[in-house]
Amino acid sequence: MKDFKAKPLTKEQIIISIDRLTRFKYPEDKYLRVFKDIIISNIINPKFKRQDLDEMDYRRLRELADFVFEISLGKPESLEINNKLADYENSVFKLDLNTRELLNNNINYTAAIRLIDDSAPLNLKWLKSLEDKNNLRDMRFLHTLRFPIEKIVICEGLTEEILLPEFAKLLNYDFDSYGVYVLSAGGKNQVVKLFYKLADLLKIPIFVLLDSDAVENSDEIKPKLRPIDRIYILKDGEFEDILPVKLVEKTLHYATENISFPVMQVIEQGHTVEFLEEFFKHRGLHEFKKAEFAEMVKENLSDSVEVSDEIKNVIQAIKNL
């Protein structure tokens, strides 16, 4: 690339790029996005169009991206971090030869991670830890890094995504220490679609958590279920319905500072969400939103006695996966 001209990546571009490259996402998708973006924005001569890159073979794309990274970060003295990243992606995802070509890059990660500060997301903190010679799992456990990811939990909504890790901590099973990653699909039908997609792409186990009314969705998943996967259907209602009554009451005290209504009686009938919707509506509060309420519950969690038996069963099932 003797006659090629390019402008170096800015610090912000470098951090955004390596952040995207180390997130939990199928490697082909994230590498193509990052490589094409920096080629288009930073190679001045010759000038490439998006269509040119869409039709280009993966090796050439990787070489062009390496060229931009090299003038921005210099040549790497070692490819140890690159190899660790490639090995990790291969342990999690089913990769074809084209995708392996993208992973066979010469990005100077040693120089790039010098730009990462302590407020960085977990994937970038994990990237920094790859400089260490210790076992990756030991580093994950020691620093609660989440990566390398070993299990995926698919749930219906944000309530589970927010609260499952918090309940697990109270039961001495920190998801970030053990490589458990929770994904909310946005509804029971979306759970099926997400499971089908991930089951085709992943080598690691998937735990599917469904509300009690999702039996038909569970039946849709079963034909695609691998021996390493598991479906768990809540016995009664949705996730909010298995929250301990005292925890809900404690959270509402936190939200309103004044409660004078039969929380216990109403919630024990198994209609927690309906009750909360009416409560927020008639108490002059904003519209009840599950994710916001889950954040309030999170703020009020303090002891393992606040974990219901069913939530304990869910956490144990994830642990056993």
C-alpha atoms as a PDB file:
ATOM      1  CA  MET A   1       0.000   0.000   0.000  1.00  0.00           C
ATOM      2  CA  LYS A   2       2.901   2.231  -0.836  1.00  0.00           C
ATOM      3  CA  ASP A   3       0.801   4.766  -2.761  1.00  0.00           C
ATOM      4  CA  PHE A   4      -2.102   4.771  -0.316  1.00  0.00           C
ATOM      5  CA  LYS A   5      -2.817   7.814   1.821  1.00  0.00           C
ATOM      6  CA  ALA A   6      -4.835   7.854   5.024  1.00  0.00           C
ATOM      7  CA  LYS A   7      -5.401  10.043   8.032  1.00  0.00           C
ATOM      8  CA  PRO A   8      -4.840   8.549  11.495  1.00  0.00           C
ATOM      9  CA  LEU A   9      -7.773   7.555  13.631  1.00  0.00           C
ATOM     10  CA  THR A  10      -8.578   9.962  16.430  1.00  0.00           C
ATOM     11  CA  LYS A  11      -8.458   8.760  20.031  1.00  0.00           C
ATOM     12  CA  GLU A  12     -12.258   8.698  20.026  1.00  0.00           C
ATOM     13  CA  GLN A  13     -12.348   6.619  16.826  1.00  0.00           C
ATOM     14  CA  ILE A  14      -9.881   4.132  18.274  1.00  0.00           C
ATOM     15  CA  ILE A  15     -11.843   3.660  21.487  1.00  0.00           C
ATOM     16  CA  ILE A  16     -15.171   3.362  19.651  1.00  0.00           C
ATOM     17  CA  SER A  17     -13.656   0.846  17.241  1.00  0.00           C
ATOM     18  CA  ILE A  18     -12.120  -1.471  19.828  1.00  0.00           C
ATOM     19  CA  ASP A  19     -15.232  -1.167  21.977  1.00  0.00           C
ATOM     20  CA  ARG A  20     -17.367  -2.412  19.078  1.00  0.00           C
ATOM     21  CA  LEU A  21     -14.873  -5.156  18.244  1.00  0.00           C
ATOM     22  CA  THR A  22     -14.987  -6.611  21.776  1.00  0.00           C
ATOM     23  CA  ARG A  23     -18.736  -6.540  22.456  1.00  0.00           C
ATOM     24  CA  PHE A  24     -20.823  -9.706  22.521  1.00  0.00           C
ATOM     25  CA  LYS A  25     -21.864  -9.801  18.892  1.00  0.00           C
ATOM     26  CA  TYR A  26     -21.257 -12.146  15.995  1.00  0.00           C
ATOM     27  CA  PRO A  27     -17.645 -11.453  14.888  1.00  0.00           C
ATOM     28  CA  GLU A  28     -18.389 -11.197  11.176  1.00  0.00           C
ATOM     29  CA  ASP A  29     -20.991  -8.483  11.750  1.00  0.00           C
ATOM     30  CA  LYS A  30     -18.955  -6.337  14.123  1.00  0.00           C
ATOM     31  CA  TYR A  31     -15.628  -6.622  12.274  1.00  0.00           C
ATOM     32  CA  LEU A  32     -17.175  -5.788   8.918  1.00  0.00           C
ATOM     33  CA  ARG A  33     -18.898  -2.745  10.383  1.00  0.00           C
ATOM     34  CA  VAL A  34     -15.772  -1.401  12.093  1.00  0.00           C
ATOM     35  CA  PHE A  35     -13.384  -2.141   9.246  1.00  0.00           C
ATOM     36  CA  LYS A  36     -15.633  -0.623   6.584  1.00  0.00           C
ATOM     37  CA  ASP A  37     -16.313   2.477   8.694  1.00  0.00           C
ATOM     38  CA  ILE A  38     -12.645   3.293   9.237  1.00  0.00           C
ATOM     39  CA  ILE A  39     -11.680   2.532   5.629  1.00  0.00           C
ATOM     40  CA  ILE A  40     -14.345   4.899   4.297  1.00  0.00           C
ATOM     41  CA  SER A  41     -13.648   7.660   6.818  1.00  0.00           C
ATOM     42  CA  ASN A  42      -9.854   7.497   7.005  1.00  0.00           C
ATOM     43  CA  ILE A  43      -8.385   6.302   3.709  1.00  0.00           C
ATOM     44  CA  ILE A  44      -8.006   9.410   1.564  1.00  0.00           C
ATOM     45  CA  ASN A  45      -6.484   7.923  -1.573  1.00  0.00           C
ATOM     46  CA  PRO A  46      -7.800   5.848  -3.217  1.00  0.00           C
ATOM     47  CA  LYS A  47     -11.286   6.742  -2.052  1.00  0.00           C
ATOM     48  CA  PHE A  48     -13.583   3.785  -1.455  1.00  0.00           C
ATOM     49  CA  LYS A  49     -17.354   3.712  -1.642  1.00  0.00           C
ATOM     50  CA  ARG A  50     -19.497   1.478   0.551  1.00  0.00           C
ATOM     51  CA  GLN A  51     -20.408  -0.620  -2.495  1.00  0.00           C
ATOM     52  CA  ASP A  52     -16.706  -1.192  -3.237  1.00  0.00           C
ATOM     53  CA  LEU A  53     -16.223  -2.603   0.248  1.00  0.00           C
ATOM     54  CA  ASP A  54     -19.382  -4.697   0.153  1.00  0.00           C
ATOM     55  CA  GLU A  55     -17.990  -6.462  -2.912  1.00  0.00           C
ATOM     56  CA  MET A  56     -14.428  -6.793  -1.578  1.00  0.00           C
ATOM     57  CA  ASP A  57     -13.034 -10.075  -0.238  1.00  0.00           C
ATOM     58  CA  TYR A  58     -12.424 -10.280   3.497  1.00  0.00           C
ATOM     59  CA  ARG A  59      -8.653 -10.538   3.314  1.00  0.00           C
ATOM     60  CA  ARG A  60      -8.399  -7.292   1.380  1.00  0.00           C
ATOM     61  CA  LEU A  61     -10.760  -5.579   3.839  1.00  0.00           C
ATOM     62  CA  ARG A  62      -8.639  -6.747   6.737  1.00  0.00           C
ATOM     63  CA  GLU A  63      -5.441  -5.515   5.048  1.00  0.00           C
ATOM     64  CA  LEU A  64      -6.955  -2.069   4.464  1.00  0.00           C
ATOM     65  CA  ALA A  65      -8.151  -1.864   8.061  1.00  0.00           C
ATOM     66  CA  ASP A  66      -4.722  -2.976   9.299  1.00  0.00           C
ATOM     67  CA  PHE A  67      -3.205  -0.154   7.225  1.00  0.00           C
ATOM     68  CA  VAL A  68      -5.396   2.455   8.963  1.00  0.00           C
ATOM     69  CA  PHE A  69      -4.739   1.018  12.412  1.00  0.00           C
ATOM     70  CA  GLU A  70      -1.000   0.874  11.758  1.00  0.00           C
ATOM     71  CA  ILE A  71      -0.661   4.549  10.852  1.00  0.00           C
ATOM     72  CA  SER A  72      -2.771   5.354  13.928  1.00  0.00           C
ATOM     73  CA  LEU A  73      -1.201   3.068  16.555  1.00  0.00           C
ATOM     74  CA  GLY A  74       2.019   1.796  15.020  1.00  0.00           C
ATOM     75  CA  LYS A  75       3.028  -1.785  14.354  1.00  0.00           C
ATOM     76  CA  PRO A  76       2.422  -4.214  17.216  1.00  0.00           C
ATOM     77  CA  GLU A  77       5.463  -5.811  18.806  1.00  0.00           C
ATOM     78  CA  SER A  78       3.368  -8.858  19.630  1.00  0.00           C
ATOM     79  CA  LEU A  79       0.071 -10.333  18.435  1.00  0.00           C
ATOM     80  CA  GLU A  80      -0.598 -12.106  21.736  1.00  0.00           C
ATOM     81  CA  ILE A  81      -3.743 -10.078  22.504  1.00  0.00           C
ATOM     82  CA  ASN A  82      -4.997 -10.518  18.926  1.00  0.00           C
ATOM     83  CA  ASN A  83      -4.560 -14.272  19.249  1.00  0.00           C
ATOM     84  CA  LYS A  84      -6.346 -14.355  22.597  1.00  0.00           C
ATOM     85  CA  LEU A  85      -9.269 -12.444  21.105  1.00  0.00           C
ATOM     86  CA  ALA A  86      -9.424 -14.781  18.108  1.00  0.00           C
ATOM     87  CA  ASP A  87      -9.306 -17.854  20.369  1.00  0.00           C
ATOM     88  CA  TYR A  88     -12.078 -16.418  22.533  1.00  0.00           C
ATOM     89  CA  GLU A  89     -14.373 -15.644  19.587  1.00  0.00           C
ATOM     90  CA  ASN A  90     -13.761 -19.136  18.236  1.00  0.00           C
ATOM     91  CA  SER A  91     -14.660 -20.677  21.616  1.00  0.00           C
ATOM     92  CA  VAL A  92     -17.997 -18.837  21.688  1.00  0.00           C
ATOM     93  CA  PHE A  93     -19.107 -18.653  18.046  1.00  0.00           C
ATOM     94  CA  LYS A  94     -19.215 -20.962  15.050  1.00  0.00           C
ATOM     95  CA  LEU A  95     -16.901 -19.212  12.591  1.00  0.00           C
ATOM     96  CA  ASP A  96     -16.339 -19.713   8.878  1.00  0.00           C
ATOM     97  CA  LEU A  97     -13.036 -19.138   7.065  1.00  0.00           C
ATOM     98  CA  ASN A  98     -13.969 -15.603   5.975  1.00  0.00           C
ATOM     99  CA  THR A  99     -14.654 -14.533   9.556  1.00  0.00           C
ATOM    100  CA  ARG A 100     -11.422 -16.124  10.739  1.00  0.00           C
ATOM    101  CA  GLU A 101      -9.656 -13.958   8.151  1.00  0.00           C
ATOM    102  CA  LEU A 102     -11.095 -10.829   9.799  1.00  0.00           C
ATOM    103  CA  LEU A 103      -9.854 -12.034  13.188  1.00  0.00           C
ATOM    104  CA  ASN A 104      -6.381 -12.588  11.762  1.00  0.00           C
ATOM    105  CA  ASN A 105      -5.607  -8.879  12.005  1.00  0.00           C
ATOM    106  CA  ASN A 106      -2.594  -6.858  13.177  1.00  0.00           C
ATOM    107  CA  ILE A 107      -4.310  -4.249  15.345  1.00  0.00           C
ATOM    108  CA  ASN A 108      -1.892  -2.857  17.914  1.00  0.00           C
ATOM    109  CA  TYR A 109      -4.065  -3.531  20.950  1.00  0.00           C
ATOM    110  CA  THR A 110      -1.177  -2.884  23.341  1.00  0.00           C
ATOM    111  CA  ALA A 111      -1.094   0.743  22.182  1.00  0.00           C
ATOM    112  CA  ALA A 112      -4.885   1.015  21.968  1.00  0.00           C
ATOM    113  CA  ILE A 113      -5.566  -0.047  25.540  1.00  0.00           C
ATOM    114  CA  ARG A 114      -3.329   2.740  26.836  1.00  0.00           C
ATOM    115  CA  LEU A 115      -6.193   5.046  25.824  1.00  0.00           C
ATOM    116  CA  ILE A 116      -8.781   3.237  27.987  1.00  0.00           C
ATOM    117  CA  ASP A 117      -9.600   4.788  31.352  1.00  0.00           C
ATOM    118  CA  ASP A 118     -11.070   3.231  34.496  1.00  0.00           C
ATOM    119  CA  SER A 119     -14.637   4.223  33.596  1.00  0.00           C
ATOM    120  CA  ALA A 120     -14.621   2.012  30.486  1.00  0.00           C
ATOM    121  CA  PRO A 121     -17.310  -0.674  29.978  1.00  0.00           C
ATOM    122  CA  LEU A 122     -16.565  -4.258  31.017  1.00  0.00           C
ATOM    123  CA  ASN A 123     -15.579  -5.450  27.550  1.00  0.00           C
ATOM    124  CA  LEU A 124     -12.791  -2.842  27.399  1.00  0.00           C
ATOM    125  CA  LYS A 125     -11.649  -3.580  30.955  1.00  0.00           C
ATOM    126  CA  TRP A 126     -11.464  -7.219  29.903  1.00  0.00           C
ATOM    127  CA  LEU A 127      -9.446  -6.237  26.838  1.00  0.00           C
ATOM    128  CA  LYS A 128      -6.940  -4.503  29.117  1.00  0.00           C
ATOM    129  CA  SER A 129      -6.707  -7.652  31.246  1.00  0.00           C
ATOM    130  CA  LEU A 130      -5.538  -9.655  28.218  1.00  0.00           C
ATOM    131  CA  GLU A 131      -2.077  -8.207  28.746  1.00  0.00           C
ATOM    132  CA  ASP A 132      -1.877 -10.260  31.924  1.00  0.00           C
ATOM    133  CA  LYS A 133      -0.362 -13.728  31.719  1.00  0.00           C
ATOM    134  CA  ASN A 134      -2.845 -15.212  34.192  1.00  0.00           C
ATOM    135  CA  ASN A 135      -5.696 -17.528  33.239  1.00  0.00           C
ATOM    136  CA  LEU A 136      -8.577 -15.612  31.607  1.00  0.00           C
ATOM    137  CA  ARG A 137     -11.185 -17.180  33.858  1.00  0.00           C
ATOM    138  CA  ASP A 138      -9.162 -16.333  36.946  1.00  0.00           C
ATOM    139  CA  MET A 139      -8.931 -12.719  35.798  1.00  0.00           C
ATOM    140  CA  ARG A 140     -12.664 -12.615  35.095  1.00  0.00           C
ATOM    141  CA  PHE A 141     -13.469 -13.951  38.558  1.00  0.00           C
ATOM    142  CA  LEU A 142     -10.991 -11.681  40.302  1.00  0.00           C
ATOM    143  CA  HIS A 143     -12.170  -8.487  38.582  1.00  0.00           C
ATOM    144  CA  THR A 144     -15.827  -9.421  37.767  1.00  0.00           C
ATOM    145  CA  LEU A 145     -15.208  -8.763  34.072  1.00  0.00           C
ATOM    146  CA  ARG A 146     -18.057 -10.878  32.568  1.00  0.00           C
ATOM    147  CA  PHE A 147     -15.724 -11.823  29.712  1.00  0.00           C
ATOM    148  CA  PRO A 148     -14.939 -14.452  28.588  1.00  0.00           C
ATOM    149  CA  ILE A 149     -18.668 -15.166  28.343  1.00  0.00           C
ATOM    150  CA  GLU A 150     -19.621 -18.797  28.964  1.00  0.00           C
ATOM    151  CA  LYS A 151     -23.424 -18.782  29.263  1.00  0.00           C
ATOM    152  CA  ILE A 152     -26.240 -16.773  27.699  1.00  0.00           C
ATOM    153  CA  VAL A 153     -29.552 -16.114  29.456  1.00  0.00           C
ATOM    154  CA  ILE A 154     -32.408 -15.008  27.192  1.00  0.00           C
ATOM    155  CA  CYS A 155     -35.381 -13.464  28.980  1.00  0.00           C
ATOM    156  CA  GLU A 156     -38.519 -11.658  27.890  1.00  0.00           C
ATOM    157  CA  GLY A 157     -38.006  -8.203  29.350  1.00  0.00           C
ATOM    158  CA  LEU A 158     -35.779  -5.644  31.016  1.00  0.00           C
ATOM    159  CA  THR A 159     -37.043  -6.516  34.507  1.00  0.00           C
ATOM    160  CA  GLU A 160     -35.291  -9.867  34.334  1.00  0.00           C
ATOM    161  CA  GLU A 161     -32.195  -8.381  32.675  1.00  0.00           C
ATOM    162  CA  ILE A 162     -31.878  -5.826  35.463  1.00  0.00           C
ATOM    163  CA  LEU A 163     -32.783  -7.961  38.465  1.00  0.00           C
ATOM    164  CA  LEU A 164     -31.527 -11.484  37.742  1.00  0.00           C
ATOM    165  CA  PRO A 165     -27.851 -10.469  38.131  1.00  0.00           C
ATOM    166  CA  GLU A 166     -28.676  -8.635  41.371  1.00  0.00           C
ATOM    167  CA  PHE A 167     -30.526 -11.575  42.907  1.00  0.00           C
ATOM    168  CA  ALA A 168     -27.686 -13.856  41.810  1.00  0.00           C
ATOM    169  CA  LYS A 169     -25.156 -11.672  43.655  1.00  0.00           C
ATOM    170  CA  LEU A 170     -27.160 -12.086  46.861  1.00  0.00           C
ATOM    171  CA  LEU A 171     -26.895 -15.840  46.363  1.00  0.00           C
ATOM    172  CA  ASN A 172     -23.105 -15.644  45.893  1.00  0.00           C
ATOM    173  CA  TYR A 173     -23.243 -16.324  42.172  1.00  0.00           C
ATOM    174  CA  ASP A 174     -22.076 -13.123  40.527  1.00  0.00           C
ATOM    175  CA  PHE A 175     -22.909 -13.348  36.813  1.00  0.00           C
ATOM    176  CA  ASP A 176     -19.966 -11.120  35.873  1.00  0.00           C
ATOM    177  CA  SER A 177     -17.566 -13.370  37.793  1.00  0.00           C
ATOM    178  CA  TYR A 178     -18.842 -16.537  36.147  1.00  0.00           C
ATOM    179  CA  GLY A 179     -19.290 -15.280  32.587  1.00  0.00           C
ATOM    180  CA  VAL A 180     -23.093 -15.178  32.472  1.00  0.00           C
ATOM    181  CA  TYR A 181     -24.582 -12.658  30.032  1.00  0.00           C
ATOM    182  CA  VAL A 182     -28.291 -11.737  30.170  1.00  0.00           C
ATOM    183  CA  LEU A 183     -30.151 -10.602  27.058  1.00  0.00           C
ATOM    184  CA  SER A 184     -33.728  -9.281  27.090  1.00  0.00           C
ATOM    185  CA  ALA A 185     -35.516 -10.059  23.847  1.00  0.00           C
ATOM    186  CA  GLY A 186     -38.474  -7.681  24.205  1.00  0.00           C
ATOM    187  CA  GLY A 187     -41.320 -10.183  24.496  1.00  0.00           C
ATOM    188  CA  LYS A 188     -41.977 -13.918  24.330  1.00  0.00           C
ATOM    189  CA  ASN A 189     -42.223 -14.023  20.536  1.00  0.00           C
ATOM    190  CA  GLN A 190     -38.911 -12.221  20.242  1.00  0.00           C
ATOM    191  CA  VAL A 191     -37.370 -14.750  22.637  1.00  0.00           C
ATOM    192  CA  VAL A 192     -38.079 -17.478  20.093  1.00  0.00           C
ATOM    193  CA  LYS A 193     -36.523 -15.476  17.252  1.00  0.00           C
ATOM    194  CA  LEU A 194     -33.440 -14.603  19.307  1.00  0.00           C
ATOM    195  CA  PHE A 195     -32.964 -18.194  20.450  1.00  0.00           C
ATOM    196  CA  TYR A 196     -33.178 -19.509  16.883  1.00  0.00           C
ATOM    197  CA  LYS A 197     -30.570 -16.986  15.787  1.00  0.00           C
ATOM    198  CA  LEU A 198     -28.144 -17.636  18.656  1.00  0.00           C
ATOM    199  CA  ALA A 199     -28.535 -21.423  18.592  1.00  0.00           C
ATOM    200  CA  ASP A 200     -27.195 -21.353  15.020  1.00  0.00           C
ATOM    201  CA  LEU A 201     -24.270 -19.112  15.919  1.00  0.00           C
ATOM    202  CA  LEU A 202     -23.126 -20.156  19.397  1.00  0.00           C
ATOM    203  CA  LYS A 203     -21.076 -22.968  20.859  1.00  0.00           C
ATOM    204  CA  ILE A 204     -21.907 -22.027  24.457  1.00  0.00           C
ATOM    205  CA  PRO A 205     -25.120 -22.912  26.370  1.00  0.00           C
ATOM    206  CA  ILE A 206     -28.297 -20.830  26.260  1.00  0.00           C
ATOM    207  CA  PHE A 207     -30.757 -20.594  29.164  1.00  0.00           C
ATOM    208  CA  VAL A 208     -34.244 -19.439  28.141  1.00  0.00           C
ATOM    209  CA  LEU A 209     -36.481 -17.905  30.827  1.00  0.00           C
ATOM    210  CA  LEU A 210     -40.175 -17.553  29.977  1.00  0.00           C
ATOM    211  CA  ASP A 211     -43.307 -16.345  31.756  1.00  0.00           C
ATOM    212  CA  SER A 212     -45.951 -18.925  32.629  1.00  0.00           C
ATOM    213  CA  ASP A 213     -48.123 -17.945  29.636  1.00  0.00           C
ATOM    214  CA  ALA A 214     -45.390 -18.784  27.113  1.00  0.00           C
ATOM    215  CA  VAL A 215     -45.894 -22.540  26.843  1.00  0.00           C
ATOM    216  CA  GLU A 216     -46.562 -22.335  23.090  1.00  0.00           C
ATOM    217  CA  ASN A 217     -43.366 -20.325  22.647  1.00  0.00           C
ATOM    218  CA  SER A 218     -41.476 -22.971  24.580  1.00  0.00           C
ATOM    219  CA  ASP A 219     -42.847 -25.612  22.212  1.00  0.00           C
ATOM    220  CA  GLU A 220     -41.536 -23.559  19.264  1.00  0.00           C
ATOM    221  CA  ILE A 221     -38.063 -23.509  20.811  1.00  0.00           C
ATOM    222  CA  LYS A 222     -37.823 -27.209  21.693  1.00  0.00           C
ATOM    223  CA  PRO A 223     -37.115 -28.507  18.143  1.00  0.00           C
ATOM    224  CA  LYS A 224     -34.060 -26.253  18.019  1.00  0.00           C
ATOM    225  CA  LEU A 225     -32.940 -26.933  21.589  1.00  0.00           C
ATOM    226  CA  ARG A 226     -29.417 -28.339  21.849  1.00  0.00           C
ATOM    227  CA  PRO A 227     -28.354 -30.761  24.618  1.00  0.00           C
ATOM    228  CA  ILE A 228     -26.455 -27.922  26.333  1.00  0.00           C
ATOM    229  CA  ASP A 229     -29.487 -25.571  26.428  1.00  0.00           C
ATOM    230  CA  ARG A 230     -32.345 -25.286  28.936  1.00  0.00           C
ATOM    231  CA  ILE A 231     -35.830 -23.746  29.022  1.00  0.00           C
ATOM    232  CA  TYR A 232     -37.302 -22.600  32.320  1.00  0.00           C
ATOM    233  CA  ILE A 233     -40.971 -21.560  32.497  1.00  0.00           C
ATOM    234  CA  LEU A 234     -42.096 -19.635  35.566  1.00  0.00           C
ATOM    235  CA  LYS A 235     -44.729 -21.524  37.524  1.00  0.00           C
ATOM    236  CA  ASP A 236     -47.115 -18.603  37.927  1.00  0.00           C
ATOM    237  CA  GLY A 237     -47.377 -15.296  36.080  1.00  0.00           C
ATOM    238  CA  GLU A 238     -44.468 -13.110  35.022  1.00  0.00           C
ATOM    239  CA  PHE A 239     -41.226 -12.148  36.710  1.00  0.00           C
ATOM    240  CA  GLU A 240     -42.780  -9.318  38.753  1.00  0.00           C
ATOM    241  CA  ASP A 241     -45.198 -11.876  40.229  1.00  0.00           C
ATOM    242  CA  ILE A 242     -42.354 -13.871  41.798  1.00  0.00           C
ATOM    243  CA  LEU A 243     -40.840 -10.871  43.555  1.00  0.00           C
ATOM    244  CA  PRO A 244     -41.304 -11.199  47.342  1.00  0.00           C
ATOM    245  CA  VAL A 245     -44.243  -9.096  48.568  1.00  0.00           C
ATOM    246  CA  LYS A 246     -42.142  -7.458  51.270  1.00  0.00           C
ATOM    247  CA  LEU A 247     -39.594  -6.401  48.661  1.00  0.00           C
ATOM    248  CA  VAL A 248     -42.313  -4.809  46.520  1.00  0.00           C
ATOM    249  CA  GLU A 249     -43.697  -3.048  49.601  1.00  0.00           C
ATOM    250  CA  LYS A 250     -40.214  -1.865  50.571  1.00  0.00           C
ATOM    251  CA  THR A 251     -39.687  -0.523  47.051  1.00  0.00           C
ATOM    252  CA  LEU A 252     -42.988   1.366  47.087  1.00  0.00           C
ATOM    253  CA  HIS A 253     -42.081   2.928  50.434  1.00  0.00           C
ATOM    254  CA  TYR A 254     -38.884   4.059  48.733  1.00  0.00           C
ATOM    255  CA  ALA A 255     -40.892   5.502  45.813  1.00  0.00           C
ATOM    256  CA  THR A 256     -43.641   7.238  47.771  1.00  0.00           C
ATOM    257  CA  GLU A 257     -42.493   7.510  51.406  1.00  0.00           C
ATOM    258  CA  ASN A 258     -46.103   6.921  52.469  1.00  0.00           C
ATOM    259  CA  ILE A 259     -48.063   3.717  51.971  1.00  0.00           C
ATOM    260  CA  SER A 260     -51.532   3.044  53.362  1.00  0.00           C
ATOM    261  CA  PHE A 261     -53.011   0.278  51.254  1.00  0.00           C
ATOM    262  CA  PRO A 262     -53.263  -3.541  51.417  1.00  0.00           C
ATOM    263  CA  VAL A 263     -50.196  -4.429  49.372  1.00  0.00           C
ATOM    264  CA  MET A 264     -49.987  -7.935  50.805  1.00  0.00           C
ATOM    265  CA  GLN A 265     -53.588  -8.824  50.043  1.00  0.00           C
ATOM    266  CA  VAL A 266     -53.583  -7.517  46.477  1.00  0.00           C
ATOM    267  CA  ILE A 267     -50.238  -8.940  45.427  1.00  0.00           C
ATOM    268  CA  GLU A 268     -50.851 -12.356  46.957  1.00  0.00           C
ATOM    269  CA  GLN A 269     -53.661 -12.747  44.440  1.00  0.00           C
ATOM    270  CA  GLY A 270     -50.939 -12.892  41.769  1.00  0.00           C
ATOM    271  CA  HIS A 271     -51.560  -9.638  39.947  1.00  0.00           C
ATOM    272  CA  THR A 272     -48.462  -7.637  40.814  1.00  0.00           C
ATOM    273  CA  VAL A 273     -48.155  -5.760  37.508  1.00  0.00           C
ATOM    274  CA  GLU A 274     -51.851  -4.863  37.401  1.00  0.00           C
ATOM    275  CA  PHE A 275     -51.653  -3.662  40.988  1.00  0.00           C
ATOM    276  CA  LEU A 276     -48.564  -1.547  40.286  1.00  0.00           C
ATOM    277  CA  GLU A 277     -50.127  -0.001  37.200  1.00  0.00           C
ATOM    278  CA  GLU A 278     -53.178   1.081  39.207  1.00  0.00           C
ATOM    279  CA  PHE A 279     -51.062   2.219  42.121  1.00  0.00           C
ATOM    280  CA  PHE A 280     -48.839   4.479  40.020  1.00  0.00           C
ATOM    281  CA  LYS A 281     -51.853   5.840  38.172  1.00  0.00           C
ATOM    282  CA  HIS A 282     -53.924   6.755  41.229  1.00  0.00           C
ATOM    283  CA  ARG A 283     -51.103   7.986  43.441  1.00  0.00           C
ATOM    284  CA  GLY A 284     -50.257  10.821  41.078  1.00  0.00           C
ATOM    285  CA  LEU A 285     -47.006   9.225  39.968  1.00  0.00           C
ATOM    286  CA  HIS A 286     -45.778   8.861  36.407  1.00  0.00           C
ATOM    287  CA  GLU A 287     -46.905   5.950  34.271  1.00  0.00           C
ATOM    288  CA  PHE A 288     -45.760   2.605  35.618  1.00  0.00           C
ATOM    289  CA  LYS A 289     -42.809   1.305  33.630  1.00  0.00           C
ATOM    290  CA  LYS A 290     -41.363  -2.106  34.363  1.00  0.00           C
ATOM    291  CA  ALA A 291     -37.737  -1.168  33.740  1.00  0.00           C
ATOM    292  CA  GLU A 292     -37.908   1.896  36.004  1.00  0.00           C
ATOM    293  CA  PHE A 293     -39.569  -0.113  38.747  1.00  0.00           C
ATOM    294  CA  ALA A 294     -36.906  -2.811  38.373  1.00  0.00           C
ATOM    295  CA  GLU A 295     -34.234  -0.160  38.922  1.00  0.00           C
ATOM    296  CA  MET A 296     -36.012   0.897  42.113  1.00  0.00           C
ATOM    297  CA  VAL A 297     -36.186  -2.709  43.285  1.00  0.00           C
ATOM    298  CA  LYS A 298     -32.470  -3.000  42.556  1.00  0.00           C
ATOM    299  CA  GLU A 299     -31.798   0.003  44.787  1.00  0.00           C
ATOM    300  CA  ASN A 300     -33.657  -1.673  47.649  1.00  0.00           C
ATOM    301  CA  LEU A 301     -32.164  -5.157  47.463  1.00  0.00           C
ATOM    302  CA  SER A 302     -29.939  -5.830  50.432  1.00  0.00           C
ATOM    303  CA  ASP A 303     -30.263  -9.396  51.713  1.00  0.00           C
ATOM    304  CA  SER A 304     -30.692 -12.942  50.434  1.00  0.00           C
ATOM    305  CA  VAL A 305     -33.942 -13.262  52.431  1.00  0.00           C
ATOM    306  CA  GLU A 306     -35.413 -10.937  49.774  1.00  0.00           C
ATOM    307  CA  VAL A 307     -34.967 -13.628  47.124  1.00  0.00           C
ATOM    308  CA  SER A 308     -38.088 -15.736  46.561  1.00  0.00           C
ATOM    309  CA  ASP A 309     -37.913 -19.518  46.273  1.00  0.00           C
ATOM    310  CA  GLU A 310     -38.713 -19.433  42.560  1.00  0.00           C
ATOM    311  CA  ILE A 311     -35.993 -16.887  41.870  1.00  0.00           C
ATOM    312  CA  LYS A 312     -33.601 -19.123  43.794  1.00  0.00           C
ATOM    313  CA  ASN A 313     -34.648 -22.024  41.568  1.00  0.00           C
ATOM    314  CA  VAL A 314     -34.010 -19.936  38.436  1.00  0.00           C
ATOM    315  CA  ILE A 315     -30.555 -18.886  39.614  1.00  0.00           C
ATOM    316  CA  GLN A 316     -29.671 -22.457  40.576  1.00  0.00           C
ATOM    317  CA  ALA A 317     -30.792 -23.709  37.157  1.00  0.00           C
ATOM    318  CA  ILE A 318     -28.560 -21.118  35.463  1.00  0.00           C
ATOM    319  CA  LYS A 319     -25.692 -22.109  37.736  1.00  0.00           C
ATOM    320  CA  ASN A 320     -26.155 -25.770  36.838  1.00  0.00           C
ATOM    321  CA  LEU A 321     -26.245 -25.122  33.068  1.00  0.00           C
END
